[in-house]
Amino acid sequence: MYNLWQVAGGKVENRESSLQAVLRETKEKIALDIKKDECVFLFNDPAFNCDVYITKVPDYQELQRTEPEKQGA
């Protein structure tokens, strides 16, 4: 996936809500700190058993690849 972006994602851990997983996985995968009140639930995709959220990246934060070996870099 060279020179392309893909959605940060992962799995919900035990006793974790999908929103909590979004906050954790976003921090782990792209080193982005987002606030839960800035995340908007869009929909659940039953075909993939996943919840989809959207947020705005603050201007002062820059996306980073924290696991390039898992991203085809």
N, C-alpha and C. Protein backbone atom coordinates (compact mmCIF):
# COMPACT_ATOMS: atom_id res chain seq x y z
N MET A 1 0.83 -1.18 0.00
CA MET A 1 0.00 0.00 0.00
C MET A 1 0.88 1.25 0.00
N TYR A 2 1.93 1.25 -0.77
CA TYR A 2 2.86 2.36 -0.83
C TYR A 2 2.17 3.63 -1.31
N ASN A 3 2.41 4.73 -0.60
CA ASN A 3 1.85 6.04 -0.92
C ASN A 3 0.33 6.10 -0.85
N LEU A 4 -0.28 5.20 -0.13
CA LEU A 4 -1.72 5.21 0.06
C LEU A 4 -2.04 5.22 1.55
N TRP A 5 -3.20 5.73 1.89
CA TRP A 5 -3.66 5.71 3.27
C TRP A 5 -4.72 4.65 3.42
N GLN A 6 -4.75 4.04 4.57
CA GLN A 6 -5.84 3.13 4.89
C GLN A 6 -6.32 3.46 6.29
N VAL A 7 -7.47 2.97 6.62
CA VAL A 7 -8.09 3.27 7.90
C VAL A 7 -7.34 2.55 9.02
N ALA A 8 -7.08 3.27 10.11
CA ALA A 8 -6.52 2.62 11.30
C ALA A 8 -7.60 1.74 11.89
N GLY A 9 -7.24 0.55 12.28
CA GLY A 9 -8.25 -0.36 12.83
C GLY A 9 -7.64 -1.38 13.75
N GLY A 10 -8.48 -2.18 14.33
CA GLY A 10 -8.04 -3.22 15.24
C GLY A 10 -9.23 -3.90 15.86
N LYS A 11 -8.98 -4.62 16.91
CA LYS A 11 -10.04 -5.39 17.57
C LYS A 11 -10.38 -4.80 18.93
N VAL A 12 -11.63 -4.99 19.31
CA VAL A 12 -12.09 -4.59 20.63
C VAL A 12 -11.59 -5.61 21.65
N GLU A 13 -10.96 -5.13 22.71
CA GLU A 13 -10.48 -6.02 23.76
C GLU A 13 -11.58 -6.29 24.77
N ASN A 14 -11.37 -7.28 25.63
CA ASN A 14 -12.36 -7.62 26.66
C ASN A 14 -12.72 -6.40 27.50
N ARG A 15 -14.01 -6.26 27.76
CA ARG A 15 -14.55 -5.18 28.60
C ARG A 15 -14.28 -3.78 28.03
N GLU A 16 -14.15 -3.69 26.73
CA GLU A 16 -13.86 -2.42 26.07
C GLU A 16 -15.00 -2.13 25.08
N SER A 17 -15.46 -0.89 25.05
CA SER A 17 -16.48 -0.51 24.08
C SER A 17 -15.81 -0.26 22.72
N SER A 18 -16.62 -0.20 21.68
CA SER A 18 -16.04 0.08 20.36
C SER A 18 -15.40 1.47 20.34
N LEU A 19 -15.97 2.43 21.05
CA LEU A 19 -15.38 3.76 21.11
C LEU A 19 -14.04 3.74 21.84
N GLN A 20 -13.96 3.01 22.94
CA GLN A 20 -12.69 2.88 23.65
C GLN A 20 -11.63 2.24 22.75
N ALA A 21 -12.05 1.26 21.96
CA ALA A 21 -11.12 0.61 21.02
C ALA A 21 -10.63 1.59 19.96
N VAL A 22 -11.53 2.44 19.47
CA VAL A 22 -11.16 3.46 18.49
C VAL A 22 -10.07 4.37 19.05
N LEU A 23 -10.27 4.85 20.26
CA LEU A 23 -9.31 5.75 20.88
C LEU A 23 -7.96 5.07 21.07
N ARG A 24 -7.98 3.83 21.56
CA ARG A 24 -6.74 3.09 21.80
C ARG A 24 -6.02 2.74 20.49
N GLU A 25 -6.76 2.19 19.53
CA GLU A 25 -6.14 1.76 18.27
C GLU A 25 -5.60 2.95 17.48
N THR A 26 -6.29 4.08 17.52
CA THR A 26 -5.82 5.27 16.81
C THR A 26 -4.50 5.74 17.41
N LYS A 27 -4.40 5.69 18.73
CA LYS A 27 -3.14 6.06 19.40
C LYS A 27 -2.03 5.07 19.04
N GLU A 28 -2.36 3.77 19.06
CA GLU A 28 -1.35 2.75 18.78
C GLU A 28 -0.90 2.75 17.32
N LYS A 29 -1.83 2.89 16.39
CA LYS A 29 -1.52 2.72 14.97
C LYS A 29 -0.94 3.97 14.31
N ILE A 30 -1.45 5.15 14.67
CA ILE A 30 -0.99 6.37 13.99
C ILE A 30 -0.59 7.48 14.96
N ALA A 31 -0.42 7.13 16.24
CA ALA A 31 0.05 8.06 17.27
C ALA A 31 -0.77 9.34 17.31
N LEU A 32 -2.08 9.19 17.20
CA LEU A 32 -2.98 10.34 17.20
C LEU A 32 -3.85 10.29 18.44
N ASP A 33 -3.80 11.37 19.23
CA ASP A 33 -4.65 11.48 20.41
C ASP A 33 -5.94 12.19 20.02
N ILE A 34 -7.04 11.47 20.11
CA ILE A 34 -8.34 12.08 19.83
C ILE A 34 -9.21 11.97 21.07
N LYS A 35 -10.14 12.88 21.18
CA LYS A 35 -11.04 12.89 22.34
C LYS A 35 -12.33 12.18 21.98
N LYS A 36 -12.88 11.45 22.96
CA LYS A 36 -14.07 10.67 22.68
C LYS A 36 -15.25 11.53 22.26
N ASP A 37 -15.34 12.75 22.76
CA ASP A 37 -16.46 13.61 22.37
C ASP A 37 -16.29 14.19 20.97
N GLU A 38 -15.13 13.96 20.34
CA GLU A 38 -14.90 14.40 18.97
C GLU A 38 -15.06 13.27 17.96
N CYS A 39 -15.36 12.07 18.44
CA CYS A 39 -15.60 10.93 17.56
C CYS A 39 -17.09 10.79 17.31
N VAL A 40 -17.45 10.63 16.06
CA VAL A 40 -18.85 10.49 15.69
C VAL A 40 -19.05 9.10 15.10
N PHE A 41 -19.99 8.35 15.69
CA PHE A 41 -20.32 7.03 15.17
C PHE A 41 -21.05 7.20 13.85
N LEU A 42 -20.58 6.52 12.79
CA LEU A 42 -21.23 6.60 11.49
C LEU A 42 -22.18 5.44 11.25
N PHE A 43 -21.65 4.21 11.37
CA PHE A 43 -22.49 3.04 11.12
C PHE A 43 -21.78 1.77 11.58
N ASN A 44 -22.54 0.71 11.65
CA ASN A 44 -22.00 -0.62 11.90
C ASN A 44 -22.04 -1.37 10.58
N ASP A 45 -20.95 -2.01 10.23
CA ASP A 45 -20.89 -2.81 9.01
C ASP A 45 -21.00 -4.28 9.40
N PRO A 46 -22.19 -4.87 9.28
CA PRO A 46 -22.37 -6.25 9.72
C PRO A 46 -21.57 -7.25 8.89
N ALA A 47 -21.23 -6.91 7.66
CA ALA A 47 -20.44 -7.83 6.83
C ALA A 47 -19.06 -8.06 7.42
N PHE A 48 -18.52 -7.05 8.08
CA PHE A 48 -17.19 -7.15 8.68
C PHE A 48 -17.24 -7.09 10.20
N ASN A 49 -18.44 -7.01 10.77
CA ASN A 49 -18.63 -6.92 12.22
C ASN A 49 -17.77 -5.79 12.80
N CYS A 50 -17.95 -4.59 12.24
CA CYS A 50 -17.16 -3.46 12.73
C CYS A 50 -18.01 -2.20 12.81
N ASP A 51 -17.64 -1.34 13.75
CA ASP A 51 -18.25 -0.02 13.88
C ASP A 51 -17.31 0.99 13.23
N VAL A 52 -17.88 1.96 12.55
CA VAL A 52 -17.10 2.97 11.85
C VAL A 52 -17.36 4.34 12.49
N TYR A 53 -16.28 5.03 12.82
CA TYR A 53 -16.34 6.36 13.42
C TYR A 53 -15.59 7.34 12.53
N ILE A 54 -15.86 8.61 12.74
CA ILE A 54 -15.14 9.67 12.03
C ILE A 54 -14.75 10.74 13.04
N THR A 55 -13.63 11.41 12.78
CA THR A 55 -13.18 12.52 13.61
C THR A 55 -12.37 13.47 12.75
N LYS A 56 -12.12 14.63 13.26
CA LYS A 56 -11.26 15.60 12.56
C LYS A 56 -9.91 15.61 13.25
N VAL A 57 -8.85 15.58 12.45
CA VAL A 57 -7.49 15.61 12.99
C VAL A 57 -7.13 17.07 13.27
N PRO A 58 -6.77 17.37 14.52
CA PRO A 58 -6.37 18.74 14.84
C PRO A 58 -5.14 19.15 14.02
N ASP A 59 -5.06 20.41 13.67
CA ASP A 59 -3.95 20.92 12.86
C ASP A 59 -2.59 20.70 13.50
N TYR A 60 -2.54 20.69 14.82
CA TYR A 60 -1.26 20.57 15.51
C TYR A 60 -0.78 19.12 15.64
N GLN A 61 -1.59 18.15 15.22
CA GLN A 61 -1.18 16.75 15.29
C GLN A 61 -0.87 16.23 13.89
N GLU A 62 0.17 15.43 13.80
CA GLU A 62 0.57 14.85 12.52
C GLU A 62 0.46 13.33 12.60
N LEU A 63 -0.13 12.73 11.58
CA LEU A 63 -0.27 11.28 11.54
C LEU A 63 1.10 10.64 11.38
N GLN A 64 1.31 9.52 12.07
CA GLN A 64 2.57 8.79 11.99
C GLN A 64 2.27 7.31 11.78
N ARG A 65 3.16 6.65 11.08
CA ARG A 65 3.04 5.20 10.94
C ARG A 65 3.83 4.57 12.07
N THR A 66 3.15 3.97 13.03
CA THR A 66 3.85 3.40 14.17
C THR A 66 4.17 1.93 13.98
N GLU A 67 3.56 1.29 12.99
CA GLU A 67 3.81 -0.13 12.71
C GLU A 67 4.02 -0.34 11.21
N PRO A 68 5.07 0.27 10.62
CA PRO A 68 5.24 0.18 9.17
C PRO A 68 5.42 -1.25 8.66
N GLU A 69 5.96 -2.13 9.49
CA GLU A 69 6.15 -3.52 9.07
C GLU A 69 4.82 -4.23 8.83
N LYS A 70 3.75 -3.73 9.44
CA LYS A 70 2.42 -4.31 9.25
C LYS A 70 1.64 -3.60 8.15
N GLN A 71 2.23 -2.56 7.56
CA GLN A 71 1.53 -1.74 6.58
C GLN A 71 2.14 -1.82 5.20
N GLY A 72 3.00 -2.75 4.97
CA GLY A 72 3.57 -2.92 3.64
C GLY A 72 4.58 -1.87 3.24
N ALA A 73 5.22 -1.24 4.23
CA ALA A 73 6.19 -0.18 3.92
C ALA A 73 7.52 -0.77 3.52
